[in-house]
PDB file of N, CA and C in Angstrom:
ATOM      1  N   MET A   1     -76.214  46.378  -9.223  1.00  0.00           N
ATOM      2  CA  MET A   1     -76.331  45.001  -8.852  1.00  0.00           C
ATOM      3  C   MET A   1     -76.567  44.138 -10.100  1.00  0.00           C
ATOM      4  N   ARG A   2     -77.314  44.649 -10.988  1.00  0.00           N
ATOM      5  CA  ARG A   2     -77.598  43.879 -12.192  1.00  0.00           C
ATOM      6  C   ARG A   2     -76.318  43.654 -12.997  1.00  0.00           C
ATOM      7  N   LEU A   3     -75.488  44.660 -13.013  1.00  0.00           N
ATOM      8  CA  LEU A   3     -74.257  44.556 -13.773  1.00  0.00           C
ATOM      9  C   LEU A   3     -73.337  43.504 -13.162  1.00  0.00           C
ATOM     10  N   GLU A   4     -73.248  43.438 -11.860  1.00  0.00           N
ATOM     11  CA  GLU A   4     -72.401  42.453 -11.181  1.00  0.00           C
ATOM     12  C   GLU A   4     -72.932  41.041 -11.395  1.00  0.00           C
ATOM     13  N   SER A   5     -74.189  40.852 -11.429  1.00  0.00           N
ATOM     14  CA  SER A   5     -74.749  39.513 -11.597  1.00  0.00           C
ATOM     15  C   SER A   5     -74.555  38.986 -13.009  1.00  0.00           C
ATOM     16  N   GLN A   6     -74.275  39.842 -13.955  1.00  0.00           N
ATOM     17  CA  GLN A   6     -74.093  39.415 -15.332  1.00  0.00           C
ATOM     18  C   GLN A   6     -72.640  39.060 -15.646  1.00  0.00           C
ATOM     19  N   LEU A   7     -71.720  39.288 -14.717  1.00  0.00           N
ATOM     20  CA  LEU A   7     -70.315  38.985 -14.959  1.00  0.00           C
ATOM     21  C   LEU A   7     -70.078  37.481 -14.972  1.00  0.00           C
ATOM     22  N   ASP A   8     -69.208  37.024 -15.863  1.00  0.00           N
ATOM     23  CA  ASP A   8     -68.889  35.611 -15.958  1.00  0.00           C
ATOM     24  C   ASP A   8     -67.798  35.205 -14.964  1.00  0.00           C
ATOM     25  N   GLN A   9     -66.931  36.125 -14.625  1.00  0.00           N
ATOM     26  CA  GLN A   9     -65.798  35.810 -13.761  1.00  0.00           C
ATOM     27  C   GLN A   9     -66.151  36.064 -12.302  1.00  0.00           C
ATOM     28  N   GLY A  10     -65.576  35.212 -11.436  1.00  0.00           N
ATOM     29  CA  GLY A  10     -65.749  35.418 -10.002  1.00  0.00           C
ATOM     30  C   GLY A  10     -64.660  36.344  -9.467  1.00  0.00           C
ATOM     31  N   THR A  11     -64.775  36.760  -8.247  1.00  0.00           N
ATOM     32  CA  THR A  11     -63.788  37.656  -7.652  1.00  0.00           C
ATOM     33  C   THR A  11     -62.675  36.882  -6.956  1.00  0.00           C
ATOM     34  N   VAL A  12     -62.778  35.564  -6.912  1.00  0.00           N
ATOM     35  CA  VAL A  12     -61.779  34.740  -6.234  1.00  0.00           C
ATOM     36  C   VAL A  12     -60.989  33.984  -7.288  1.00  0.00           C
ATOM     37  N   ALA A  13     -59.659  33.981  -7.119  1.00  0.00           N
ATOM     38  CA  ALA A  13     -58.804  33.253  -8.038  1.00  0.00           C
ATOM     39  C   ALA A  13     -57.759  32.483  -7.235  1.00  0.00           C
ATOM     40  N   VAL A  14     -57.424  31.275  -7.659  1.00  0.00           N
ATOM     41  CA  VAL A  14     -56.403  30.462  -7.015  1.00  0.00           C
ATOM     42  C   VAL A  14     -55.055  30.880  -7.583  1.00  0.00           C
ATOM     43  N   LEU A  15     -54.171  31.381  -6.712  1.00  0.00           N
ATOM     44  CA  LEU A  15     -52.870  31.820  -7.170  1.00  0.00           C
ATOM     45  C   LEU A  15     -51.913  30.647  -7.310  1.00  0.00           C
ATOM     46  N   ALA A  16     -51.866  29.790  -6.274  1.00  0.00           N
ATOM     47  CA  ALA A  16     -50.999  28.614  -6.319  1.00  0.00           C
ATOM     48  C   ALA A  16     -51.701  27.508  -5.542  1.00  0.00           C
ATOM     49  N   PRO A  17     -51.660  26.300  -6.040  1.00  0.00           N
ATOM     50  CA  PRO A  17     -52.329  25.205  -5.313  1.00  0.00           C
ATOM     51  C   PRO A  17     -51.588  24.897  -4.006  1.00  0.00           C
ATOM     52  N   ALA A  18     -52.315  24.466  -3.018  1.00  0.00           N
ATOM     53  CA  ALA A  18     -51.736  24.133  -1.710  1.00  0.00           C
ATOM     54  C   ALA A  18     -50.972  22.827  -1.797  1.00  0.00           C
ATOM     55  N   MET A  19     -49.808  22.789  -1.161  1.00  0.00           N
ATOM     56  CA  MET A  19     -48.978  21.588  -1.131  1.00  0.00           C
ATOM     57  C   MET A  19     -49.017  21.014   0.285  1.00  0.00           C
ATOM     58  N   PRO A  20     -49.191  19.707   0.421  1.00  0.00           N
ATOM     59  CA  PRO A  20     -49.182  19.128   1.775  1.00  0.00           C
ATOM     60  C   PRO A  20     -47.766  19.199   2.366  1.00  0.00           C
ATOM     61  N   PRO A  21     -47.648  19.438   3.697  1.00  0.00           N
ATOM     62  CA  PRO A  21     -46.337  19.524   4.323  1.00  0.00           C
ATOM     63  C   PRO A  21     -45.634  18.158   4.336  1.00  0.00           C
ATOM     64  N   LEU A  22     -44.318  18.190   4.307  1.00  0.00           N
ATOM     65  CA  LEU A  22     -43.547  16.950   4.321  1.00  0.00           C
ATOM     66  C   LEU A  22     -43.492  16.327   5.713  1.00  0.00           C
ATOM     67  N   ASP A  23     -43.352  17.155   6.744  1.00  0.00           N
ATOM     68  CA  ASP A  23     -43.301  16.685   8.142  1.00  0.00           C
ATOM     69  C   ASP A  23     -44.545  17.152   8.874  1.00  0.00           C
ATOM     70  N   PRO A  24     -45.081  16.342   9.762  1.00  0.00           N
ATOM     71  CA  PRO A  24     -46.258  16.778  10.523  1.00  0.00           C
ATOM     72  C   PRO A  24     -45.880  17.891  11.510  1.00  0.00           C
ATOM     73  N   ALA A  25     -46.781  18.818  11.706  1.00  0.00           N
ATOM     74  CA  ALA A  25     -46.527  19.923  12.628  1.00  0.00           C
ATOM     75  C   ALA A  25     -46.647  19.460  14.082  1.00  0.00           C
ATOM     76  N   ARG A  26     -47.545  18.546  14.337  1.00  0.00           N
ATOM     77  CA  ARG A  26     -47.742  18.035  15.692  1.00  0.00           C
ATOM     78  C   ARG A  26     -48.027  16.562  15.604  1.00  0.00           C
ATOM     79  N   PRO A  27     -47.842  15.767  16.557  1.00  0.00           N
ATOM     80  CA  PRO A  27     -47.163  15.972  17.837  1.00  0.00           C
ATOM     81  C   PRO A  27     -45.645  15.939  17.656  1.00  0.00           C
ATOM     82  N   ARG A  28     -44.967  16.554  18.569  1.00  0.00           N
ATOM     83  CA  ARG A  28     -43.507  16.579  18.571  1.00  0.00           C
ATOM     84  C   ARG A  28     -43.034  15.749  19.757  1.00  0.00           C
ATOM     85  N   PRO A  29     -42.717  14.488  19.559  1.00  0.00           N
ATOM     86  CA  PRO A  29     -42.413  13.590  20.678  1.00  0.00           C
ATOM     87  C   PRO A  29     -41.194  14.018  21.488  1.00  0.00           C
ATOM     88  N   LEU A  30     -40.128  14.457  20.852  1.00  0.00           N
ATOM     89  CA  LEU A  30     -38.933  14.847  21.597  1.00  0.00           C
ATOM     90  C   LEU A  30     -39.202  16.082  22.442  1.00  0.00           C
ATOM     91  N   LEU A  31     -39.844  17.083  21.856  1.00  0.00           N
ATOM     92  CA  LEU A  31     -40.158  18.295  22.609  1.00  0.00           C
ATOM     93  C   LEU A  31     -41.131  17.995  23.745  1.00  0.00           C
ATOM     94  N   ASN A  32     -42.126  17.164  23.496  1.00  0.00           N
ATOM     95  CA  ASN A  32     -43.090  16.802  24.542  1.00  0.00           C
ATOM     96  C   ASN A  32     -42.413  16.032  25.673  1.00  0.00           C
ATOM     97  N   THR A  33     -41.477  15.152  25.340  1.00  0.00           N
ATOM     98  CA  THR A  33     -40.766  14.383  26.364  1.00  0.00           C
ATOM     99  C   THR A  33     -39.901  15.291  27.224  1.00  0.00           C
ATOM    100  N   ILE A  34     -39.175  16.195  26.603  1.00  0.00           N
ATOM    101  CA  ILE A  34     -38.326  17.119  27.361  1.00  0.00           C
ATOM    102  C   ILE A  34     -39.175  18.025  28.243  1.00  0.00           C
ATOM    103  N   ALA A  35     -40.272  18.543  27.712  1.00  0.00           N
ATOM    104  CA  ALA A  35     -41.158  19.405  28.496  1.00  0.00           C
ATOM    105  C   ALA A  35     -41.774  18.635  29.667  1.00  0.00           C
ATOM    106  N   ALA A  36     -42.166  17.391  29.441  1.00  0.00           N
ATOM    107  CA  ALA A  36     -42.751  16.580  30.517  1.00  0.00           C
ATOM    108  C   ALA A  36     -41.729  16.288  31.603  1.00  0.00           C
ATOM    109  N   LEU A  37     -40.484  15.995  31.214  1.00  0.00           N
ATOM    110  CA  LEU A  37     -39.444  15.748  32.211  1.00  0.00           C
ATOM    111  C   LEU A  37     -39.163  16.991  33.044  1.00  0.00           C
ATOM    112  N   LEU A  38     -39.052  18.141  32.400  1.00  0.00           N
ATOM    113  CA  LEU A  38     -38.793  19.377  33.141  1.00  0.00           C
ATOM    114  C   LEU A  38     -39.959  19.741  34.052  1.00  0.00           C
ATOM    115  N   PHE A  39     -41.177  19.597  33.546  1.00  0.00           N
ATOM    116  CA  PHE A  39     -42.349  19.897  34.367  1.00  0.00           C
ATOM    117  C   PHE A  39     -42.459  18.926  35.542  1.00  0.00           C
ATOM    118  N   GLY A  40     -42.202  17.647  35.310  1.00  0.00           N
ATOM    119  CA  GLY A  40     -42.253  16.657  36.386  1.00  0.00           C
ATOM    120  C   GLY A  40     -41.185  16.899  37.436  1.00  0.00           C
ATOM    121  N   LEU A  41     -39.992  17.252  36.997  1.00  0.00           N
ATOM    122  CA  LEU A  41     -38.905  17.548  37.932  1.00  0.00           C
ATOM    123  C   LEU A  41     -39.223  18.777  38.770  1.00  0.00           C
ATOM    124  N   ALA A  42     -39.698  19.831  38.130  1.00  0.00           N
ATOM    125  CA  ALA A  42     -40.023  21.063  38.855  1.00  0.00           C
ATOM    126  C   ALA A  42     -41.183  20.852  39.828  1.00  0.00           C
ATOM    127  N   SER A  43     -42.213  20.150  39.397  1.00  0.00           N
ATOM    128  CA  SER A  43     -43.354  19.929  40.294  1.00  0.00           C
ATOM    129  C   SER A  43     -42.984  18.975  41.427  1.00  0.00           C
ATOM    130  N   GLY A  44     -42.132  17.986  41.163  1.00  0.00           N
ATOM    131  CA  GLY A  44     -41.690  17.091  42.233  1.00  0.00           C
ATOM    132  C   GLY A  44     -40.855  17.814  43.272  1.00  0.00           C
ATOM    133  N   MET A  45     -39.956  18.680  42.828  1.00  0.00           N
ATOM    134  CA  MET A  45     -39.146  19.447  43.780  1.00  0.00           C
ATOM    135  C   MET A  45     -40.016  20.426  44.563  1.00  0.00           C
ATOM    136  N   GLY A  46     -40.971  21.043  43.889  1.00  0.00           N
ATOM    137  CA  GLY A  46     -41.880  21.952  44.584  1.00  0.00           C
ATOM    138  C   GLY A  46     -42.718  21.238  45.628  1.00  0.00           C
ATOM    139  N   LEU A  47     -43.188  20.052  45.304  1.00  0.00           N
ATOM    140  CA  LEU A  47     -43.968  19.270  46.259  1.00  0.00           C
ATOM    141  C   LEU A  47     -43.116  18.839  47.445  1.00  0.00           C
ATOM    142  N   ALA A  48     -41.876  18.435  47.190  1.00  0.00           N
ATOM    143  CA  ALA A  48     -40.979  18.044  48.280  1.00  0.00           C
ATOM    144  C   ALA A  48     -40.689  19.216  49.208  1.00  0.00           C
ATOM    145  N   VAL A  49     -40.455  20.378  48.647  1.00  0.00           N
ATOM    146  CA  VAL A  49     -40.196  21.564  49.470  1.00  0.00           C
ATOM    147  C   VAL A  49     -41.434  21.937  50.273  1.00  0.00           C
ATOM    148  N   ALA A  50     -42.611  21.862  49.653  1.00  0.00           N
ATOM    149  CA  ALA A  50     -43.847  22.195  50.361  1.00  0.00           C
ATOM    150  C   ALA A  50     -44.116  21.215  51.506  1.00  0.00           C
ATOM    151  N   LEU A  51     -43.891  19.929  51.275  1.00  0.00           N
ATOM    152  CA  LEU A  51     -44.105  18.946  52.342  1.00  0.00           C
ATOM    153  C   LEU A  51     -43.088  19.117  53.467  1.00  0.00           C
ATOM    154  N   GLU A  52     -41.856  19.440  53.121  1.00  0.00           N
ATOM    155  CA  GLU A  52     -40.837  19.665  54.145  1.00  0.00           C
ATOM    156  C   GLU A  52     -41.149  20.922  54.945  1.00  0.00           C
ATOM    157  N   TRP A  53     -41.660  21.921  54.289  1.00  0.00           N
ATOM    158  CA  TRP A  53     -41.991  23.176  54.969  1.00  0.00           C
ATOM    159  C   TRP A  53     -43.162  22.991  55.934  1.00  0.00           C
ATOM    160  N   ARG A  54     -44.113  22.121  55.572  1.00  0.00           N
ATOM    161  CA  ARG A  54     -45.266  21.873  56.438  1.00  0.00           C
ATOM    162  C   ARG A  54     -44.941  20.960  57.607  1.00  0.00           C
ATOM    163  N   ASP A  55     -43.838  20.217  57.538  1.00  0.00           N
ATOM    164  CA  ASP A  55     -43.464  19.287  58.594  1.00  0.00           C
ATOM    165  C   ASP A  55     -43.012  20.068  59.825  1.00  0.00           C
ATOM    166  N   ARG A  56     -43.651  19.843  60.959  1.00  0.00           N
ATOM    167  CA  ARG A  56     -43.385  20.629  62.155  1.00  0.00           C
ATOM    168  C   ARG A  56     -42.515  19.886  63.169  1.00  0.00           C
ATOM    169  N   ARG A  57     -41.819  18.833  62.777  1.00  0.00           N
ATOM    170  CA  ARG A  57     -40.993  18.078  63.706  1.00  0.00           C
ATOM    171  C   ARG A  57     -39.772  18.885  64.144  1.00  0.00           C
ATOM    172  N   VAL A  58     -39.315  18.592  65.362  1.00  0.00           N
ATOM    173  CA  VAL A  58     -38.110  19.223  65.894  1.00  0.00           C
ATOM    174  C   VAL A  58     -36.926  18.369  65.477  1.00  0.00           C
ATOM    175  N   ARG A  59     -35.970  18.975  64.788  1.00  0.00           N
ATOM    176  CA  ARG A  59     -34.817  18.226  64.314  1.00  0.00           C
ATOM    177  C   ARG A  59     -33.535  18.617  65.042  1.00  0.00           C
ATOM    178  N   SER A  60     -33.494  19.779  65.649  1.00  0.00           N
ATOM    179  CA  SER A  60     -32.306  20.205  66.382  1.00  0.00           C
ATOM    180  C   SER A  60     -32.731  21.068  67.565  1.00  0.00           C
ATOM    181  N   ALA A  61     -31.765  21.356  68.419  1.00  0.00           N
ATOM    182  CA  ALA A  61     -32.066  22.152  69.610  1.00  0.00           C
ATOM    183  C   ALA A  61     -32.458  23.580  69.247  1.00  0.00           C
ATOM    184  N   SER A  62     -31.974  24.085  68.149  1.00  0.00           N
ATOM    185  CA  SER A  62     -32.312  25.456  67.749  1.00  0.00           C
ATOM    186  C   SER A  62     -33.746  25.570  67.231  1.00  0.00           C
ATOM    187  N   ASP A  63     -34.398  24.443  66.909  1.00  0.00           N
ATOM    188  CA  ASP A  63     -35.784  24.479  66.440  1.00  0.00           C
ATOM    189  C   ASP A  63     -36.767  24.773  67.574  1.00  0.00           C
ATOM    190  N   ILE A  64     -36.431  24.421  68.803  1.00  0.00           N
ATOM    191  CA  ILE A  64     -37.357  24.595  69.925  1.00  0.00           C
ATOM    192  C   ILE A  64     -37.624  26.073  70.217  1.00  0.00           C
ATOM    193  N   PRO A  65     -36.596  26.905  70.432  1.00  0.00           N
ATOM    194  CA  PRO A  65     -36.903  28.321  70.670  1.00  0.00           C
ATOM    195  C   PRO A  65     -37.560  28.994  69.464  1.00  0.00           C
ATOM    196  N   ALA A  66     -37.202  28.593  68.272  1.00  0.00           N
ATOM    197  CA  ALA A  66     -37.797  29.200  67.084  1.00  0.00           C
ATOM    198  C   ALA A  66     -39.280  28.859  66.977  1.00  0.00           C
ATOM    199  N   ALA A  67     -39.673  27.648  67.375  1.00  0.00           N
ATOM    200  CA  ALA A  67     -41.064  27.216  67.237  1.00  0.00           C
ATOM    201  C   ALA A  67     -41.938  27.672  68.392  1.00  0.00           C
ATOM    202  N   THR A  68     -41.398  27.668  69.617  1.00  0.00           N
ATOM    203  CA  THR A  68     -42.228  27.937  70.785  1.00  0.00           C
ATOM    204  C   THR A  68     -41.956  29.275  71.444  1.00  0.00           C
ATOM    205  N   GLY A  69     -40.788  29.830  71.251  1.00  0.00           N
ATOM    206  CA  GLY A  69     -40.435  31.079  71.917  1.00  0.00           C
ATOM    207  C   GLY A  69     -39.910  30.855  73.325  1.00  0.00           C
ATOM    208  N   VAL A  70     -39.731  29.589  73.733  1.00  0.00           N
ATOM    209  CA  VAL A  70     -39.234  29.242  75.057  1.00  0.00           C
ATOM    210  C   VAL A  70     -37.716  29.109  74.985  1.00  0.00           C
ATOM    211  N   VAL A  71     -37.035  29.640  75.999  1.00  0.00           N
ATOM    212  CA  VAL A  71     -35.581  29.559  76.034  1.00  0.00           C
ATOM    213  C   VAL A  71     -35.168  28.145  76.416  1.00  0.00           C
ATOM    214  N   LEU A  72     -34.195  27.607  75.727  1.00  0.00           N
ATOM    215  CA  LEU A  72     -33.690  26.274  75.986  1.00  0.00           C
ATOM    216  C   LEU A  72     -32.596  26.367  77.046  1.00  0.00           C
ATOM    217  N   LEU A  73     -32.785  25.669  78.173  1.00  0.00           N
ATOM    218  CA  LEU A  73     -31.836  25.745  79.282  1.00  0.00           C
ATOM    219  C   LEU A  73     -30.786  24.646  79.227  1.00  0.00           C
ATOM    220  N   ALA A  74     -31.144  23.471  78.787  1.00  0.00           N
ATOM    221  CA  ALA A  74     -30.199  22.351  78.779  1.00  0.00           C
ATOM    222  C   ALA A  74     -30.477  21.468  77.580  1.00  0.00           C
ATOM    223  N   GLU A  75     -29.479  20.655  77.277  1.00  0.00           N
ATOM    224  CA  GLU A  75     -29.598  19.731  76.152  1.00  0.00           C
ATOM    225  C   GLU A  75     -28.882  18.441  76.520  1.00  0.00           C
ATOM    226  N   PHE A  76     -29.520  17.305  76.250  1.00  0.00           N
ATOM    227  CA  PHE A  76     -28.889  16.023  76.504  1.00  0.00           C
ATOM    228  C   PHE A  76     -27.863  15.739  75.418  1.00  0.00           C
ATOM    229  N   PRO A  77     -26.745  15.128  75.797  1.00  0.00           N
ATOM    230  CA  PRO A  77     -25.768  14.787  74.755  1.00  0.00           C
ATOM    231  C   PRO A  77     -26.310  13.661  73.879  1.00  0.00           C
ATOM    232  N   ALA A  78     -25.780  13.568  72.695  1.00  0.00           N
ATOM    233  CA  ALA A  78     -26.196  12.516  71.779  1.00  0.00           C
ATOM    234  C   ALA A  78     -25.780  11.166  72.330  1.00  0.00           C
ATOM    235  N   PRO A  79     -26.616  10.140  72.217  1.00  0.00           N
ATOM    236  CA  PRO A  79     -26.256   8.821  72.749  1.00  0.00           C
ATOM    237  C   PRO A  79     -25.088   8.212  71.986  1.00  0.00           C
ATOM    238  N   ARG A  80     -24.269   7.459  72.722  1.00  0.00           N
ATOM    239  CA  ARG A  80     -23.141   6.770  72.082  1.00  0.00           C
ATOM    240  C   ARG A  80     -23.648   5.549  71.330  1.00  0.00           C
ATOM    241  N   ARG A  81     -22.802   5.025  70.504  1.00  0.00           N
ATOM    242  CA  ARG A  81     -23.164   3.806  69.789  1.00  0.00           C
ATOM    243  C   ARG A  81     -23.237   2.647  70.769  1.00  0.00           C
ATOM    244  N   ALA A  82     -24.142   1.737  70.504  1.00  0.00           N
ATOM    245  CA  ALA A  82     -24.295   0.574  71.373  1.00  0.00           C
ATOM    246  C   ALA A  82     -23.071  -0.329  71.242  1.00  0.00           C
ATOM    247  N   ARG A  83     -22.604  -0.811  72.369  1.00  0.00           N
ATOM    248  CA  ARG A  83     -21.479  -1.753  72.353  1.00  0.00           C
ATOM    249  C   ARG A  83     -22.032  -3.169  72.394  1.00  0.00           C
ATOM    250  N   PHE A  84     -21.334  -4.049  71.742  1.00  0.00           N
ATOM    251  CA  PHE A  84     -21.753  -5.446  71.749  1.00  0.00           C
ATOM    252  C   PHE A  84     -21.431  -6.061  73.107  1.00  0.00           C
ATOM    253  N   LEU A  85     -22.401  -6.750  73.696  1.00  0.00           N
ATOM    254  CA  LEU A  85     -22.176  -7.411  74.972  1.00  0.00           C
ATOM    255  C   LEU A  85     -21.379  -8.693  74.768  1.00  0.00           C
ATOM    256  N   PHE A  86     -21.646  -9.348  73.681  1.00  0.00           N
ATOM    257  CA  PHE A  86     -20.958 -10.605  73.401  1.00  0.00           C
ATOM    258  C   PHE A  86     -20.127 -10.451  72.141  1.00  0.00           C
ATOM    259  N   ARG A  87     -18.871 -10.718  72.268  1.00  0.00           N
ATOM    260  CA  ARG A  87     -18.008 -10.657  71.093  1.00  0.00           C
ATOM    261  C   ARG A  87     -17.919 -12.041  70.489  1.00  0.00           C
ATOM    262  N   PRO A  88     -17.858 -12.133  69.193  1.00  0.00           N
ATOM    263  CA  PRO A  88     -17.742 -13.455  68.581  1.00  0.00           C
ATOM    264  C   PRO A  88     -16.405 -14.101  68.950  1.00  0.00           C
ATOM    265  N   GLN A  89     -16.447 -15.401  69.198  1.00  0.00           N
ATOM    266  CA  GLN A  89     -15.251 -16.141  69.551  1.00  0.00           C
ATOM    267  C   GLN A  89     -14.419 -16.402  68.306  1.00  0.00           C
ATOM    268  N   ALA A  90     -13.119 -16.168  68.404  1.00  0.00           N
ATOM    269  CA  ALA A  90     -12.224 -16.457  67.290  1.00  0.00           C
ATOM    270  C   ALA A  90     -11.877 -17.940  67.328  1.00  0.00           C
ATOM    271  N   ALA A  91     -11.842 -18.588  66.203  1.00  0.00           N
ATOM    272  CA  ALA A  91     -11.559 -20.023  66.163  1.00  0.00           C
ATOM    273  C   ALA A  91     -10.105 -20.321  66.077  1.00  0.00           C
TER     274      ALA A  91
END
């Protein structure tokens, strides 16, 4: 120990001085924008699918037996378009 304490030189030497980088490493605006758009699109589609899946409304005649297990015996036809009672007079 005495011999080491008498040495003039240290054990650490600087090999090359550090150079500051030319471009910043972070933030990366283009990469962040693309990632945010993709994440927003994916989460929006996932939320839409989840909300649609939770919706229990009947949209067609085939939804009734699938939801309740009851056999469908009859179905009303779709209503026709409303006809105008009064037609505009031609001048």
